């Protein structure tokens, strides 16, 4: 069940990151994939900064931060 929860958080984070990074997204399916990878990255970064993501909203914020960072990096690499 936690894997499904991870996928749902990642998909929501990818969609939100795509909305925040207007013009730098990868389309709906690309953003969902980036959101899932970004949720892992966001959790890792928050852990390194010793910030705890508590509850659904905290996990979503960490995932969106990671997805936005990942979309930004992908945008820089595409140029």
PDB file of N, CA and C in Angstrom:
ATOM      1  N   UNK A   1       0.818  -1.191   0.000  1.00  0.00           N
ATOM      2  CA  UNK A   1       0.000   0.000   0.000  1.00  0.00           C
ATOM      3  C   UNK A   1       0.863   1.257   0.000  1.00  0.00           C
ATOM      4  N   UNK A   2       2.004   1.230   0.655  1.00  0.00           N
ATOM      5  CA  UNK A   2       2.849   2.420   0.693  1.00  0.00           C
ATOM      6  C   UNK A   2       3.415   2.746  -0.687  1.00  0.00           C
ATOM      7  N   UNK A   3       3.623   1.729  -1.542  1.00  0.00           N
ATOM      8  CA  UNK A   3       4.110   1.991  -2.896  1.00  0.00           C
ATOM      9  C   UNK A   3       3.050   2.735  -3.695  1.00  0.00           C
ATOM     10  N   UNK A   4       1.799   2.359  -3.534  1.00  0.00           N
ATOM     11  CA  UNK A   4       0.703   3.052  -4.206  1.00  0.00           C
ATOM     12  C   UNK A   4       0.607   4.494  -3.709  1.00  0.00           C
ATOM     13  N   UNK A   5       0.771   4.684  -2.420  1.00  0.00           N
ATOM     14  CA  UNK A   5       0.779   6.021  -1.819  1.00  0.00           C
ATOM     15  C   UNK A   5       1.914   6.849  -2.413  1.00  0.00           C
ATOM     16  N   UNK A   6       3.097   6.263  -2.559  1.00  0.00           N
ATOM     17  CA  UNK A   6       4.253   6.928  -3.156  1.00  0.00           C
ATOM     18  C   UNK A   6       3.950   7.342  -4.595  1.00  0.00           C
ATOM     19  N   UNK A   7       3.321   6.465  -5.360  1.00  0.00           N
ATOM     20  CA  UNK A   7       2.978   6.774  -6.743  1.00  0.00           C
ATOM     21  C   UNK A   7       1.961   7.910  -6.830  1.00  0.00           C
ATOM     22  N   UNK A   8       0.977   7.907  -5.956  1.00  0.00           N
ATOM     23  CA  UNK A   8      -0.034   8.965  -5.958  1.00  0.00           C
ATOM     24  C   UNK A   8       0.569  10.313  -5.577  1.00  0.00           C
ATOM     25  N   UNK A   9       1.408  10.333  -4.562  1.00  0.00           N
ATOM     26  CA  UNK A   9       2.086  11.575  -4.165  1.00  0.00           C
ATOM     27  C   UNK A   9       2.960  12.062  -5.312  1.00  0.00           C
ATOM     28  N   UNK A  10       3.707  11.163  -5.931  1.00  0.00           N
ATOM     29  CA  UNK A  10       4.586  11.527  -7.040  1.00  0.00           C
ATOM     30  C   UNK A  10       3.815  12.061  -8.230  1.00  0.00           C
ATOM     31  N   UNK A  11       2.698  11.444  -8.559  1.00  0.00           N
ATOM     32  CA  UNK A  11       1.887  11.911  -9.683  1.00  0.00           C
ATOM     33  C   UNK A  11       1.326  13.306  -9.405  1.00  0.00           C
ATOM     34  N   UNK A  12       0.833  13.514  -8.196  1.00  0.00           N
ATOM     35  CA  UNK A  12       0.312  14.836  -7.829  1.00  0.00           C
ATOM     36  C   UNK A  12       1.436  15.868  -7.848  1.00  0.00           C
ATOM     37  N   UNK A  13       2.607  15.499  -7.356  1.00  0.00           N
ATOM     38  CA  UNK A  13       3.751  16.417  -7.345  1.00  0.00           C
ATOM     39  C   UNK A  13       4.186  16.757  -8.763  1.00  0.00           C
ATOM     40  N   UNK A  14       4.184  15.794  -9.647  1.00  0.00           N
ATOM     41  CA  UNK A  14       4.555  16.045 -11.036  1.00  0.00           C
ATOM     42  C   UNK A  14       3.593  16.992 -11.719  1.00  0.00           C
ATOM     43  N   UNK A  15       2.306  16.802 -11.460  1.00  0.00           N
ATOM     44  CA  UNK A  15       1.318  17.690 -12.047  1.00  0.00           C
ATOM     45  C   UNK A  15       1.492  19.106 -11.507  1.00  0.00           C
ATOM     46  N   UNK A  16       1.658  19.242 -10.183  1.00  0.00           N
ATOM     47  CA  UNK A  16       1.844  20.562  -9.578  1.00  0.00           C
ATOM     48  C   UNK A  16       3.127  21.231 -10.070  1.00  0.00           C
ATOM     49  N   UNK A  17       4.200  20.458 -10.179  1.00  0.00           N
ATOM     50  CA  UNK A  17       5.467  21.018 -10.660  1.00  0.00           C
ATOM     51  C   UNK A  17       5.329  21.482 -12.105  1.00  0.00           C
ATOM     52  N   UNK A  18       4.591  20.743 -12.904  1.00  0.00           N
ATOM     53  CA  UNK A  18       4.345  21.149 -14.284  1.00  0.00           C
ATOM     54  C   UNK A  18       3.569  22.457 -14.352  1.00  0.00           C
ATOM     55  N   UNK A  19       2.642  22.653 -13.416  1.00  0.00           N
ATOM     56  CA  UNK A  19       1.885  23.901 -13.369  1.00  0.00           C
ATOM     57  C   UNK A  19       2.767  25.063 -12.917  1.00  0.00           C
ATOM     58  N   UNK A  20       3.666  24.802 -11.972  1.00  0.00           N
ATOM     59  CA  UNK A  20       4.556  25.848 -11.467  1.00  0.00           C
ATOM     60  C   UNK A  20       5.629  26.238 -12.471  1.00  0.00           C
ATOM     61  N   UNK A  21       6.087  25.270 -13.258  1.00  0.00           N
ATOM     62  CA  UNK A  21       7.172  25.505 -14.212  1.00  0.00           C
ATOM     63  C   UNK A  21       6.592  25.678 -15.619  1.00  0.00           C
ATOM     64  N   UNK A  22       5.686  26.592 -15.793  1.00  0.00           N
ATOM     65  CA  UNK A  22       5.014  26.781 -17.075  1.00  0.00           C
ATOM     66  C   UNK A  22       6.036  26.941 -18.197  1.00  0.00           C
ATOM     67  N   UNK A  23       5.812  26.194 -19.270  1.00  0.00           N
ATOM     68  CA  UNK A  23       6.698  26.266 -20.421  1.00  0.00           C
ATOM     69  C   UNK A  23       7.934  25.404 -20.300  1.00  0.00           C
ATOM     70  N   UNK A  24       8.177  24.808 -19.156  1.00  0.00           N
ATOM     71  CA  UNK A  24       9.352  23.981 -18.954  1.00  0.00           C
ATOM     72  C   UNK A  24       8.990  22.539 -18.649  1.00  0.00           C
ATOM     73  N   UNK A  25       7.726  22.201 -18.816  1.00  0.00           N
ATOM     74  CA  UNK A  25       7.265  20.856 -18.507  1.00  0.00           C
ATOM     75  C   UNK A  25       7.545  19.880 -19.640  1.00  0.00           C
ATOM     76  N   UNK A  26       7.204  18.639 -19.402  1.00  0.00           N
ATOM     77  CA  UNK A  26       7.436  17.576 -20.375  1.00  0.00           C
ATOM     78  C   UNK A  26       6.127  16.957 -20.842  1.00  0.00           C
ATOM     79  N   UNK A  27       5.047  17.656 -20.702  1.00  0.00           N
ATOM     80  CA  UNK A  27       3.742  17.081 -21.013  1.00  0.00           C
ATOM     81  C   UNK A  27       3.211  16.343 -19.801  1.00  0.00           C
ATOM     82  N   UNK A  28       1.967  15.958 -19.876  1.00  0.00           N
ATOM     83  CA  UNK A  28       1.312  15.336 -18.722  1.00  0.00           C
ATOM     84  C   UNK A  28       2.028  14.081 -18.247  1.00  0.00           C
ATOM     85  N   UNK A  29       2.283  13.132 -19.142  1.00  0.00           N
ATOM     86  CA  UNK A  29       2.891  11.859 -18.728  1.00  0.00           C
ATOM     87  C   UNK A  29       4.340  12.045 -18.312  1.00  0.00           C
ATOM     88  N   UNK A  30       5.047  12.929 -18.993  1.00  0.00           N
ATOM     89  CA  UNK A  30       6.437  13.208 -18.609  1.00  0.00           C
ATOM     90  C   UNK A  30       6.513  13.847 -17.233  1.00  0.00           C
ATOM     91  N   UNK A  31       5.600  14.798 -16.965  1.00  0.00           N
ATOM     92  CA  UNK A  31       5.571  15.446 -15.655  1.00  0.00           C
ATOM     93  C   UNK A  31       5.206  14.462 -14.549  1.00  0.00           C
ATOM     94  N   UNK A  32       4.310  13.526 -14.839  1.00  0.00           N
ATOM     95  CA  UNK A  32       3.958  12.525 -13.827  1.00  0.00           C
ATOM     96  C   UNK A  32       5.166  11.650 -13.504  1.00  0.00           C
ATOM     97  N   UNK A  33       5.901  11.257 -14.532  1.00  0.00           N
ATOM     98  CA  UNK A  33       7.117  10.463 -14.307  1.00  0.00           C
ATOM     99  C   UNK A  33       8.170  11.247 -13.548  1.00  0.00           C
ATOM    100  N   UNK A  34       8.346  12.507 -13.933  1.00  0.00           N
ATOM    101  CA  UNK A  34       9.307  13.361 -13.233  1.00  0.00           C
ATOM    102  C   UNK A  34       8.860  13.572 -11.790  1.00  0.00           C
ATOM    103  N   UNK A  35       7.561  13.664 -11.574  1.00  0.00           N
ATOM    104  CA  UNK A  35       7.046  13.836 -10.211  1.00  0.00           C
ATOM    105  C   UNK A  35       7.370  12.648  -9.329  1.00  0.00           C
ATOM    106  N   UNK A  36       7.280  11.464  -9.894  1.00  0.00           N
ATOM    107  CA  UNK A  36       7.606  10.268  -9.105  1.00  0.00           C
ATOM    108  C   UNK A  36       9.092  10.229  -8.776  1.00  0.00           C
ATOM    109  N   UNK A  37       9.927  10.558  -9.748  1.00  0.00           N
ATOM    110  CA  UNK A  37      11.373  10.616  -9.479  1.00  0.00           C
ATOM    111  C   UNK A  37      11.681  11.796  -8.564  1.00  0.00           C
ATOM    112  N   UNK A  38      10.989  12.896  -8.769  1.00  0.00           N
ATOM    113  CA  UNK A  38      11.200  14.084  -7.943  1.00  0.00           C
ATOM    114  C   UNK A  38      10.776  13.888  -6.504  1.00  0.00           C
ATOM    115  N   UNK A  39       9.773  13.062  -6.281  1.00  0.00           N
ATOM    116  CA  UNK A  39       9.358  12.810  -4.899  1.00  0.00           C
ATOM    117  C   UNK A  39      10.456  12.079  -4.142  1.00  0.00           C
ATOM    118  N   UNK A  40      11.147  11.190  -4.837  1.00  0.00           N
ATOM    119  CA  UNK A  40      12.296  10.522  -4.215  1.00  0.00           C
ATOM    120  C   UNK A  40      13.402  11.541  -3.949  1.00  0.00           C
ATOM    121  N   UNK A  41      13.687  12.388  -4.935  1.00  0.00           N
ATOM    122  CA  UNK A  41      14.726  13.411  -4.801  1.00  0.00           C
ATOM    123  C   UNK A  41      14.381  14.399  -3.692  1.00  0.00           C
ATOM    124  N   UNK A  42      13.121  14.823  -3.629  1.00  0.00           N
ATOM    125  CA  UNK A  42      12.689  15.748  -2.584  1.00  0.00           C
ATOM    126  C   UNK A  42      12.828  15.146  -1.198  1.00  0.00           C
ATOM    127  N   UNK A  43      12.468  13.878  -1.058  1.00  0.00           N
ATOM    128  CA  UNK A  43      12.640  13.206   0.235  1.00  0.00           C
ATOM    129  C   UNK A  43      14.097  13.110   0.632  1.00  0.00           C
ATOM    130  N   UNK A  44      14.948  12.841  -0.356  1.00  0.00           N
ATOM    131  CA  UNK A  44      16.380  12.764  -0.100  1.00  0.00           C
ATOM    132  C   UNK A  44      16.937  14.124   0.313  1.00  0.00           C
ATOM    133  N   UNK A  45      16.559  15.175  -0.415  1.00  0.00           N
ATOM    134  CA  UNK A  45      17.045  16.520  -0.096  1.00  0.00           C
ATOM    135  C   UNK A  45      16.546  16.998   1.263  1.00  0.00           C
ATOM    136  N   UNK A  46      15.278  16.756   1.548  1.00  0.00           N
ATOM    137  CA  UNK A  46      14.750  17.154   2.849  1.00  0.00           C
ATOM    138  C   UNK A  46      15.459  16.394   3.968  1.00  0.00           C
ATOM    139  N   UNK A  47      15.781  15.128   3.725  1.00  0.00           N
ATOM    140  CA  UNK A  47      16.517  14.341   4.710  1.00  0.00           C
ATOM    141  C   UNK A  47      17.917  14.890   4.936  1.00  0.00           C
ATOM    142  N   UNK A  48      18.592  15.289   3.860  1.00  0.00           N
ATOM    143  CA  UNK A  48      19.930  15.863   3.985  1.00  0.00           C
ATOM    144  C   UNK A  48      19.910  17.192   4.735  1.00  0.00           C
ATOM    145  N   UNK A  49      18.839  17.953   4.535  1.00  0.00           N
ATOM    146  CA  UNK A  49      18.698  19.232   5.229  1.00  0.00           C
ATOM    147  C   UNK A  49      18.088  19.064   6.616  1.00  0.00           C
ATOM    148  N   UNK A  50      17.815  17.846   6.989  1.00  0.00           N
ATOM    149  CA  UNK A  50      17.229  17.481   8.275  1.00  0.00           C
ATOM    150  C   UNK A  50      15.883  18.164   8.506  1.00  0.00           C
ATOM    151  N   UNK A  51      15.073  18.176   7.443  1.00  0.00           N
ATOM    152  CA  UNK A  51      13.718  18.700   7.514  1.00  0.00           C
ATOM    153  C   UNK A  51      12.776  17.505   7.411  1.00  0.00           C
ATOM    154  N   UNK A  52      11.880  17.377   8.357  1.00  0.00           N
ATOM    155  CA  UNK A  52      10.939  16.263   8.338  1.00  0.00           C
ATOM    156  C   UNK A  52       9.666  16.673   7.623  1.00  0.00           C
ATOM    157  N   UNK A  53       9.269  15.868   6.677  1.00  0.00           N
ATOM    158  CA  UNK A  53       8.001  16.067   5.982  1.00  0.00           C
ATOM    159  C   UNK A  53       6.955  15.237   6.712  1.00  0.00           C
ATOM    160  N   UNK A  54       6.076  15.906   7.448  1.00  0.00           N
ATOM    161  CA  UNK A  54       5.103  15.224   8.288  1.00  0.00           C
ATOM    162  C   UNK A  54       3.739  15.274   7.614  1.00  0.00           C
ATOM    163  N   UNK A  55       3.107  14.136   7.503  1.00  0.00           N
ATOM    164  CA  UNK A  55       1.765  14.051   6.961  1.00  0.00           C
ATOM    165  C   UNK A  55       1.726  14.172   5.450  1.00  0.00           C
ATOM    166  N   UNK A  56       0.517  14.120   4.929  1.00  0.00           N
ATOM    167  CA  UNK A  56       0.315  14.166   3.485  1.00  0.00           C
ATOM    168  C   UNK A  56       0.815  15.471   2.894  1.00  0.00           C
ATOM    169  N   UNK A  57       0.477  16.594   3.508  1.00  0.00           N
ATOM    170  CA  UNK A  57       0.867  17.892   2.979  1.00  0.00           C
ATOM    171  C   UNK A  57       2.377  18.079   2.999  1.00  0.00           C
ATOM    172  N   UNK A  58       3.025  17.656   4.071  1.00  0.00           N
ATOM    173  CA  UNK A  58       4.482  17.755   4.154  1.00  0.00           C
ATOM    174  C   UNK A  58       5.167  16.903   3.100  1.00  0.00           C
ATOM    175  N   UNK A  59       4.667  15.704   2.892  1.00  0.00           N
ATOM    176  CA  UNK A  59       5.241  14.828   1.867  1.00  0.00           C
ATOM    177  C   UNK A  59       4.999  15.387   0.471  1.00  0.00           C
ATOM    178  N   UNK A  60       3.841  15.987   0.265  1.00  0.00           N
ATOM    179  CA  UNK A  60       3.544  16.587  -1.030  1.00  0.00           C
ATOM    180  C   UNK A  60       4.453  17.785  -1.297  1.00  0.00           C
ATOM    181  N   UNK A  61       4.713  18.593  -0.287  1.00  0.00           N
ATOM    182  CA  UNK A  61       5.612  19.744  -0.446  1.00  0.00           C
ATOM    183  C   UNK A  61       7.020  19.271  -0.786  1.00  0.00           C
ATOM    184  N   UNK A  62       7.501  18.256  -0.094  1.00  0.00           N
ATOM    185  CA  UNK A  62       8.832  17.719  -0.385  1.00  0.00           C
ATOM    186  C   UNK A  62       8.885  17.148  -1.798  1.00  0.00           C
ATOM    187  N   UNK A  63       7.845  16.457  -2.204  1.00  0.00           N
ATOM    188  CA  UNK A  63       7.807  15.858  -3.541  1.00  0.00           C
ATOM    189  C   UNK A  63       7.749  16.934  -4.619  1.00  0.00           C
ATOM    190  N   UNK A  64       6.967  17.972  -4.402  1.00  0.00           N
ATOM    191  CA  UNK A  64       6.877  19.063  -5.379  1.00  0.00           C
ATOM    192  C   UNK A  64       8.212  19.786  -5.478  1.00  0.00           C
ATOM    193  N   UNK A  65       8.870  20.010  -4.350  1.00  0.00           N
ATOM    194  CA  UNK A  65      10.185  20.661  -4.379  1.00  0.00           C
ATOM    195  C   UNK A  65      11.169  19.830  -5.195  1.00  0.00           C
ATOM    196  N   UNK A  66      11.179  18.536  -4.997  1.00  0.00           N
ATOM    197  CA  UNK A  66      12.065  17.667  -5.763  1.00  0.00           C
ATOM    198  C   UNK A  66      11.706  17.633  -7.236  1.00  0.00           C
ATOM    199  N   UNK A  67      10.424  17.617  -7.554  1.00  0.00           N
ATOM    200  CA  UNK A  67       9.986  17.584  -8.954  1.00  0.00           C
ATOM    201  C   UNK A  67      10.311  18.893  -9.663  1.00  0.00           C
ATOM    202  N   UNK A  68      10.123  20.024  -8.979  1.00  0.00           N
ATOM    203  CA  UNK A  68      10.470  21.320  -9.577  1.00  0.00           C
ATOM    204  C   UNK A  68      11.973  21.384  -9.835  1.00  0.00           C
ATOM    205  N   UNK A  69      12.752  20.928  -8.879  1.00  0.00           N
ATOM    206  CA  UNK A  69      14.206  20.911  -9.060  1.00  0.00           C
ATOM    207  C   UNK A  69      14.593  20.027 -10.238  1.00  0.00           C
ATOM    208  N   UNK A  70      13.977  18.876 -10.327  1.00  0.00           N
ATOM    209  CA  UNK A  70      14.283  17.955 -11.426  1.00  0.00           C
ATOM    210  C   UNK A  70      13.849  18.536 -12.775  1.00  0.00           C
ATOM    211  N   UNK A  71      12.690  19.172 -12.842  1.00  0.00           N
ATOM    212  CA  UNK A  71      12.262  19.811 -14.085  1.00  0.00           C
ATOM    213  C   UNK A  71      13.201  20.954 -14.465  1.00  0.00           C
ATOM    214  N   UNK A  72      13.673  21.696 -13.489  1.00  0.00           N
ATOM    215  CA  UNK A  72      14.615  22.781 -13.751  1.00  0.00           C
ATOM    216  C   UNK A  72      15.923  22.230 -14.327  1.00  0.00           C
ATOM    217  N   UNK A  73      16.424  21.146 -13.735  1.00  0.00           N
ATOM    218  CA  UNK A  73      17.664  20.520 -14.230  1.00  0.00           C
ATOM    219  C   UNK A  73      17.467  19.991 -15.648  1.00  0.00           C
ATOM    220  N   UNK A  74      16.345  19.336 -15.892  1.00  0.00           N
ATOM    221  CA  UNK A  74      16.058  18.813 -17.230  1.00  0.00           C
ATOM    222  C   UNK A  74      15.964  19.952 -18.243  1.00  0.00           C
ATOM    223  N   UNK A  75      15.337  21.054 -17.844  1.00  0.00           N
ATOM    224  CA  UNK A  75      15.231  22.232 -18.718  1.00  0.00           C
ATOM    225  C   UNK A  75      16.600  22.794 -19.073  1.00  0.00           C
ATOM    226  N   UNK A  76      17.512  22.828 -18.094  1.00  0.00           N
ATOM    227  CA  UNK A  76      18.867  23.326 -18.350  1.00  0.00           C
ATOM    228  C   UNK A  76      19.634  22.372 -19.261  1.00  0.00           C
ATOM    229  N   UNK A  77      19.438  21.070 -19.095  1.00  0.00           N
ATOM    230  CA  UNK A  77      20.138  20.096 -19.920  1.00  0.00           C
ATOM    231  C   UNK A  77      19.618  20.071 -21.350  1.00  0.00           C
ATOM    232  N   UNK A  78      18.343  20.411 -21.550  1.00  0.00           N
ATOM    233  CA  UNK A  78      17.765  20.410 -22.892  1.00  0.00           C
ATOM    234  C   UNK A  78      18.286  21.562 -23.745  1.00  0.00           C
ATOM    235  N   UNK A  79      18.766  22.640 -23.106  1.00  0.00           N
ATOM    236  CA  UNK A  79      19.264  23.797 -23.854  1.00  0.00           C
ATOM    237  C   UNK A  79      20.591  23.569 -24.476  1.00  0.00           C
TER     238      UNK A  79
END
